[in-house]
Amino acid sequence: MGFIRNERGVMLAVAIILLFFVSLFLFSLVSWHDSIQRTYDSLETYYENETVRTMKRNG
């Protein structure tokens, strides 16, 4: 337990670096999910418009 309370601040530096990488990973994951969600939303809008256009043409 002595190495946890060292005066050089090594554990603090390691914790900050780990926090940076975890935050970067989570930001990348959320950005990826948002991008996929926007793609699905645009596909949904496209197919809704095509369905309405087909129904008006045949109806």
PDB file of N, CA and C in Angstrom:
ATOM      1  N   MET A   1       0.810  -1.201   0.000  1.00  0.00           N
ATOM      2  CA  MET A   1       0.000   0.000   0.000  1.00  0.00           C
ATOM      3  C   MET A   1       0.851   1.262   0.000  1.00  0.00           C
ATOM      4  N   GLY A   2       2.130   1.141   0.228  1.00  0.00           N
ATOM      5  CA  GLY A   2       2.979   2.314   0.267  1.00  0.00           C
ATOM      6  C   GLY A   2       3.130   2.973  -1.091  1.00  0.00           C
ATOM      7  N   PHE A   3       3.064   2.174  -2.160  1.00  0.00           N
ATOM      8  CA  PHE A   3       3.253   2.762  -3.479  1.00  0.00           C
ATOM      9  C   PHE A   3       2.038   3.596  -3.907  1.00  0.00           C
ATOM     10  N   ILE A   4       0.882   3.392  -3.302  1.00  0.00           N
ATOM     11  CA  ILE A   4      -0.301   4.181  -3.641  1.00  0.00           C
ATOM     12  C   ILE A   4      -0.147   5.610  -3.125  1.00  0.00           C
ATOM     13  N   ARG A   5       0.504   5.766  -1.985  1.00  0.00           N
ATOM     14  CA  ARG A   5       0.641   7.086  -1.362  1.00  0.00           C
ATOM     15  C   ARG A   5       2.026   7.673  -1.590  1.00  0.00           C
ATOM     16  N   ASN A   6       2.604   7.457  -2.771  1.00  0.00           N
ATOM     17  CA  ASN A   6       3.933   8.014  -2.995  1.00  0.00           C
ATOM     18  C   ASN A   6       3.846   9.520  -3.223  1.00  0.00           C
ATOM     19  N   GLU A   7       4.936  10.202  -3.021  1.00  0.00           N
ATOM     20  CA  GLU A   7       4.961  11.651  -3.107  1.00  0.00           C
ATOM     21  C   GLU A   7       5.273  12.138  -4.519  1.00  0.00           C
ATOM     22  N   ARG A   8       5.592  11.260  -5.416  1.00  0.00           N
ATOM     23  CA  ARG A   8       5.974  11.683  -6.761  1.00  0.00           C
ATOM     24  C   ARG A   8       4.759  11.893  -7.669  1.00  0.00           C
ATOM     25  N   GLY A   9       3.607  11.422  -7.294  1.00  0.00           N
ATOM     26  CA  GLY A   9       2.397  11.635  -8.074  1.00  0.00           C
ATOM     27  C   GLY A   9       2.268  10.740  -9.291  1.00  0.00           C
ATOM     28  N   VAL A  10       2.919   9.579  -9.256  1.00  0.00           N
ATOM     29  CA  VAL A  10       2.873   8.672 -10.392  1.00  0.00           C
ATOM     30  C   VAL A  10       1.464   8.118 -10.566  1.00  0.00           C
ATOM     31  N   MET A  11       0.824   7.770  -9.474  1.00  0.00           N
ATOM     32  CA  MET A  11      -0.526   7.218  -9.571  1.00  0.00           C
ATOM     33  C   MET A  11      -1.513   8.258 -10.100  1.00  0.00           C
ATOM     34  N   LEU A  12      -1.320   9.511  -9.751  1.00  0.00           N
ATOM     35  CA  LEU A  12      -2.181  10.566 -10.265  1.00  0.00           C
ATOM     36  C   LEU A  12      -2.006  10.706 -11.777  1.00  0.00           C
ATOM     37  N   ALA A  13      -0.775  10.670 -12.241  1.00  0.00           N
ATOM     38  CA  ALA A  13      -0.509  10.777 -13.680  1.00  0.00           C
ATOM     39  C   ALA A  13      -1.105   9.588 -14.425  1.00  0.00           C
ATOM     40  N   VAL A  14      -0.958   8.390 -13.867  1.00  0.00           N
ATOM     41  CA  VAL A  14      -1.522   7.197 -14.495  1.00  0.00           C
ATOM     42  C   VAL A  14      -3.041   7.284 -14.516  1.00  0.00           C
ATOM     43  N   ALA A  15      -3.641   7.770 -13.448  1.00  0.00           N
ATOM     44  CA  ALA A  15      -5.098   7.898 -13.388  1.00  0.00           C
ATOM     45  C   ALA A  15      -5.605   8.914 -14.409  1.00  0.00           C
ATOM     46  N   ILE A  16      -4.892  10.015 -14.584  1.00  0.00           N
ATOM     47  CA  ILE A  16      -5.301  11.023 -15.561  1.00  0.00           C
ATOM     48  C   ILE A  16      -5.168  10.485 -16.981  1.00  0.00           C
ATOM     49  N   ILE A  17      -4.090   9.778 -17.252  1.00  0.00           N
ATOM     50  CA  ILE A  17      -3.908   9.184 -18.581  1.00  0.00           C
ATOM     51  C   ILE A  17      -4.981   8.135 -18.851  1.00  0.00           C
ATOM     52  N   LEU A  18      -5.293   7.310 -17.873  1.00  0.00           N
ATOM     53  CA  LEU A  18      -6.345   6.304 -18.029  1.00  0.00           C
ATOM     54  C   LEU A  18      -7.702   6.970 -18.241  1.00  0.00           C
ATOM     55  N   LEU A  19      -7.982   8.021 -17.507  1.00  0.00           N
ATOM     56  CA  LEU A  19      -9.226   8.761 -17.683  1.00  0.00           C
ATOM     57  C   LEU A  19      -9.318   9.350 -19.088  1.00  0.00           C
ATOM     58  N   PHE A  20      -8.216   9.861 -19.605  1.00  0.00           N
ATOM     59  CA  PHE A  20      -8.194  10.407 -20.961  1.00  0.00           C
ATOM     60  C   PHE A  20      -8.532   9.341 -21.993  1.00  0.00           C
ATOM     61  N   PHE A  21      -7.918   8.165 -21.888  1.00  0.00           N
ATOM     62  CA  PHE A  21      -8.160   7.119 -22.869  1.00  0.00           C
ATOM     63  C   PHE A  21      -9.568   6.540 -22.759  1.00  0.00           C
ATOM     64  N   VAL A  22     -10.074   6.397 -21.560  1.00  0.00           N
ATOM     65  CA  VAL A  22     -11.440   5.908 -21.385  1.00  0.00           C
ATOM     66  C   VAL A  22     -12.436   6.931 -21.924  1.00  0.00           C
ATOM     67  N   SER A  23     -12.203   8.196 -21.662  1.00  0.00           N
ATOM     68  CA  SER A  23     -13.083   9.243 -22.179  1.00  0.00           C
ATOM     69  C   SER A  23     -13.044   9.291 -23.705  1.00  0.00           C
ATOM     70  N   LEU A  24     -11.868   9.140 -24.283  1.00  0.00           N
ATOM     71  CA  LEU A  24     -11.734   9.116 -25.732  1.00  0.00           C
ATOM     72  C   LEU A  24     -12.477   7.927 -26.330  1.00  0.00           C
ATOM     73  N   PHE A  25     -12.376   6.768 -25.691  1.00  0.00           N
ATOM     74  CA  PHE A  25     -13.081   5.584 -26.160  1.00  0.00           C
ATOM     75  C   PHE A  25     -14.593   5.794 -26.104  1.00  0.00           C
ATOM     76  N   LEU A  26     -15.083   6.334 -24.999  1.00  0.00           N
ATOM     77  CA  LEU A  26     -16.522   6.558 -24.867  1.00  0.00           C
ATOM     78  C   LEU A  26     -17.016   7.597 -25.857  1.00  0.00           C
ATOM     79  N   PHE A  27     -16.261   8.647 -26.081  1.00  0.00           N
ATOM     80  CA  PHE A  27     -16.640   9.659 -27.066  1.00  0.00           C
ATOM     81  C   PHE A  27     -16.701   9.052 -28.461  1.00  0.00           C
ATOM     82  N   SER A  28     -15.741   8.206 -28.803  1.00  0.00           N
ATOM     83  CA  SER A  28     -15.746   7.551 -30.109  1.00  0.00           C
ATOM     84  C   SER A  28     -16.948   6.636 -30.256  1.00  0.00           C
ATOM     85  N   LEU A  29     -17.277   5.915 -29.209  1.00  0.00           N
ATOM     86  CA  LEU A  29     -18.419   5.007 -29.238  1.00  0.00           C
ATOM     87  C   LEU A  29     -19.723   5.780 -29.421  1.00  0.00           C
ATOM     88  N   VAL A  30     -19.896   6.872 -28.709  1.00  0.00           N
ATOM     89  CA  VAL A  30     -21.114   7.674 -28.826  1.00  0.00           C
ATOM     90  C   VAL A  30     -21.193   8.319 -30.207  1.00  0.00           C
ATOM     91  N   SER A  31     -20.085   8.793 -30.739  1.00  0.00           N
ATOM     92  CA  SER A  31     -20.077   9.391 -32.073  1.00  0.00           C
ATOM     93  C   SER A  31     -20.432   8.360 -33.137  1.00  0.00           C
ATOM     94  N   TRP A  32     -19.913   7.155 -33.007  1.00  0.00           N
ATOM     95  CA  TRP A  32     -20.217   6.082 -33.943  1.00  0.00           C
ATOM     96  C   TRP A  32     -21.715   5.742 -33.893  1.00  0.00           C
ATOM     97  N   HIS A  33     -22.257   5.650 -32.703  1.00  0.00           N
ATOM     98  CA  HIS A  33     -23.678   5.341 -32.552  1.00  0.00           C
ATOM     99  C   HIS A  33     -24.537   6.460 -33.142  1.00  0.00           C
ATOM    100  N   ASP A  34     -24.163   7.694 -32.927  1.00  0.00           N
ATOM    101  CA  ASP A  34     -24.907   8.828 -33.470  1.00  0.00           C
ATOM    102  C   ASP A  34     -24.871   8.819 -34.996  1.00  0.00           C
ATOM    103  N   SER A  35     -23.743   8.481 -35.563  1.00  0.00           N
ATOM    104  CA  SER A  35     -23.622   8.421 -37.010  1.00  0.00           C
ATOM    105  C   SER A  35     -24.524   7.331 -37.592  1.00  0.00           C
ATOM    106  N   ILE A  36     -24.535   6.178 -36.970  1.00  0.00           N
ATOM    107  CA  ILE A  36     -25.408   5.093 -37.435  1.00  0.00           C
ATOM    108  C   ILE A  36     -26.869   5.479 -37.286  1.00  0.00           C
ATOM    109  N   GLN A  37     -27.221   6.134 -36.200  1.00  0.00           N
ATOM    110  CA  GLN A  37     -28.608   6.544 -35.984  1.00  0.00           C
ATOM    111  C   GLN A  37     -29.051   7.560 -37.038  1.00  0.00           C
ATOM    112  N   ARG A  38     -28.179   8.494 -37.383  1.00  0.00           N
ATOM    113  CA  ARG A  38     -28.520   9.455 -38.434  1.00  0.00           C
ATOM    114  C   ARG A  38     -28.706   8.766 -39.779  1.00  0.00           C
ATOM    115  N   THR A  39     -27.893   7.741 -40.063  1.00  0.00           N
ATOM    116  CA  THR A  39     -28.043   6.988 -41.306  1.00  0.00           C
ATOM    117  C   THR A  39     -29.385   6.282 -41.342  1.00  0.00           C
ATOM    118  N   TYR A  40     -29.767   5.645 -40.248  1.00  0.00           N
ATOM    119  CA  TYR A  40     -31.061   4.969 -40.192  1.00  0.00           C
ATOM    120  C   TYR A  40     -32.214   5.963 -40.321  1.00  0.00           C
ATOM    121  N   ASP A  41     -32.089   7.119 -39.708  1.00  0.00           N
ATOM    122  CA  ASP A  41     -33.140   8.136 -39.809  1.00  0.00           C
ATOM    123  C   ASP A  41     -33.295   8.623 -41.255  1.00  0.00           C
ATOM    124  N   SER A  42     -32.189   8.827 -41.940  1.00  0.00           N
ATOM    125  CA  SER A  42     -32.288   9.291 -43.321  1.00  0.00           C
ATOM    126  C   SER A  42     -32.861   8.204 -44.220  1.00  0.00           C
ATOM    127  N   LEU A  43     -32.513   6.950 -43.984  1.00  0.00           N
ATOM    128  CA  LEU A  43     -33.115   5.856 -44.751  1.00  0.00           C
ATOM    129  C   LEU A  43     -34.611   5.762 -44.497  1.00  0.00           C
ATOM    130  N   GLU A  44     -35.012   5.933 -43.250  1.00  0.00           N
ATOM    131  CA  GLU A  44     -36.428   5.894 -42.912  1.00  0.00           C
ATOM    132  C   GLU A  44     -37.186   7.009 -43.633  1.00  0.00           C
ATOM    133  N   THR A  45     -36.634   8.205 -43.631  1.00  0.00           N
ATOM    134  CA  THR A  45     -37.278   9.327 -44.308  1.00  0.00           C
ATOM    135  C   THR A  45     -37.380   9.071 -45.805  1.00  0.00           C
ATOM    136  N   TYR A  46     -36.325   8.544 -46.390  1.00  0.00           N
ATOM    137  CA  TYR A  46     -36.334   8.248 -47.818  1.00  0.00           C
ATOM    138  C   TYR A  46     -37.434   7.241 -48.153  1.00  0.00           C
ATOM    139  N   TYR A  47     -37.495   6.147 -47.416  1.00  0.00           N
ATOM    140  CA  TYR A  47     -38.484   5.119 -47.721  1.00  0.00           C
ATOM    141  C   TYR A  47     -39.912   5.579 -47.415  1.00  0.00           C
ATOM    142  N   GLU A  48     -40.091   6.413 -46.422  1.00  0.00           N
ATOM    143  CA  GLU A  48     -41.423   6.979 -46.179  1.00  0.00           C
ATOM    144  C   GLU A  48     -41.854   7.840 -47.358  1.00  0.00           C
ATOM    145  N   ASN A  49     -40.978   8.677 -47.853  1.00  0.00           N
ATOM    146  CA  ASN A  49     -41.310   9.535 -48.994  1.00  0.00           C
ATOM    147  C   ASN A  49     -41.595   8.712 -50.251  1.00  0.00           C
ATOM    148  N   GLU A  50     -40.809   7.671 -50.474  1.00  0.00           N
ATOM    149  CA  GLU A  50     -41.043   6.810 -51.635  1.00  0.00           C
ATOM    150  C   GLU A  50     -42.364   6.061 -51.521  1.00  0.00           C
ATOM    151  N   THR A  51     -42.716   5.637 -50.302  1.00  0.00           N
ATOM    152  CA  THR A  51     -43.990   4.955 -50.097  1.00  0.00           C
ATOM    153  C   THR A  51     -45.156   5.886 -50.369  1.00  0.00           C
ATOM    154  N   VAL A  52     -45.075   7.113 -49.868  1.00  0.00           N
ATOM    155  CA  VAL A  52     -46.133   8.090 -50.103  1.00  0.00           C
ATOM    156  C   VAL A  52     -46.247   8.390 -51.583  1.00  0.00           C
ATOM    157  N   ARG A  53     -45.123   8.550 -52.261  1.00  0.00           N
ATOM    158  CA  ARG A  53     -45.143   8.820 -53.697  1.00  0.00           C
ATOM    159  C   ARG A  53     -45.755   7.668 -54.488  1.00  0.00           C
ATOM    160  N   THR A  54     -45.424   6.419 -54.119  1.00  0.00           N
ATOM    161  CA  THR A  54     -45.989   5.246 -54.776  1.00  0.00           C
ATOM    162  C   THR A  54     -47.487   5.130 -54.519  1.00  0.00           C
ATOM    163  N   MET A  55     -47.908   5.416 -53.296  1.00  0.00           N
ATOM    164  CA  MET A  55     -49.335   5.336 -52.975  1.00  0.00           C
ATOM    165  C   MET A  55     -50.131   6.400 -53.722  1.00  0.00           C
ATOM    166  N   LYS A  56     -49.577   7.598 -53.881  1.00  0.00           N
ATOM    167  CA  LYS A  56     -50.270   8.661 -54.615  1.00  0.00           C
ATOM    168  C   LYS A  56     -50.354   8.306 -56.108  1.00  0.00           C
ATOM    169  N   ARG A  57     -49.323   7.689 -56.621  1.00  0.00           N
ATOM    170  CA  ARG A  57     -49.298   7.354 -58.036  1.00  0.00           C
ATOM    171  C   ARG A  57     -50.285   6.224 -58.360  1.00  0.00           C
ATOM    172  N   ASN A  58     -50.389   5.228 -57.461  1.00  0.00           N
ATOM    173  CA  ASN A  58     -51.255   4.068 -57.694  1.00  0.00           C
ATOM    174  C   ASN A  58     -52.654   4.255 -57.149  1.00  0.00           C
ATOM    175  N   GLY A  59     -52.872   5.240 -56.324  1.00  0.00           N
ATOM    176  CA  GLY A  59     -54.115   5.330 -55.605  1.00  0.00           C
ATOM    177  C   GLY A  59     -55.173   6.136 -56.207  1.00  0.00           C
TER     178      GLY A  59
END
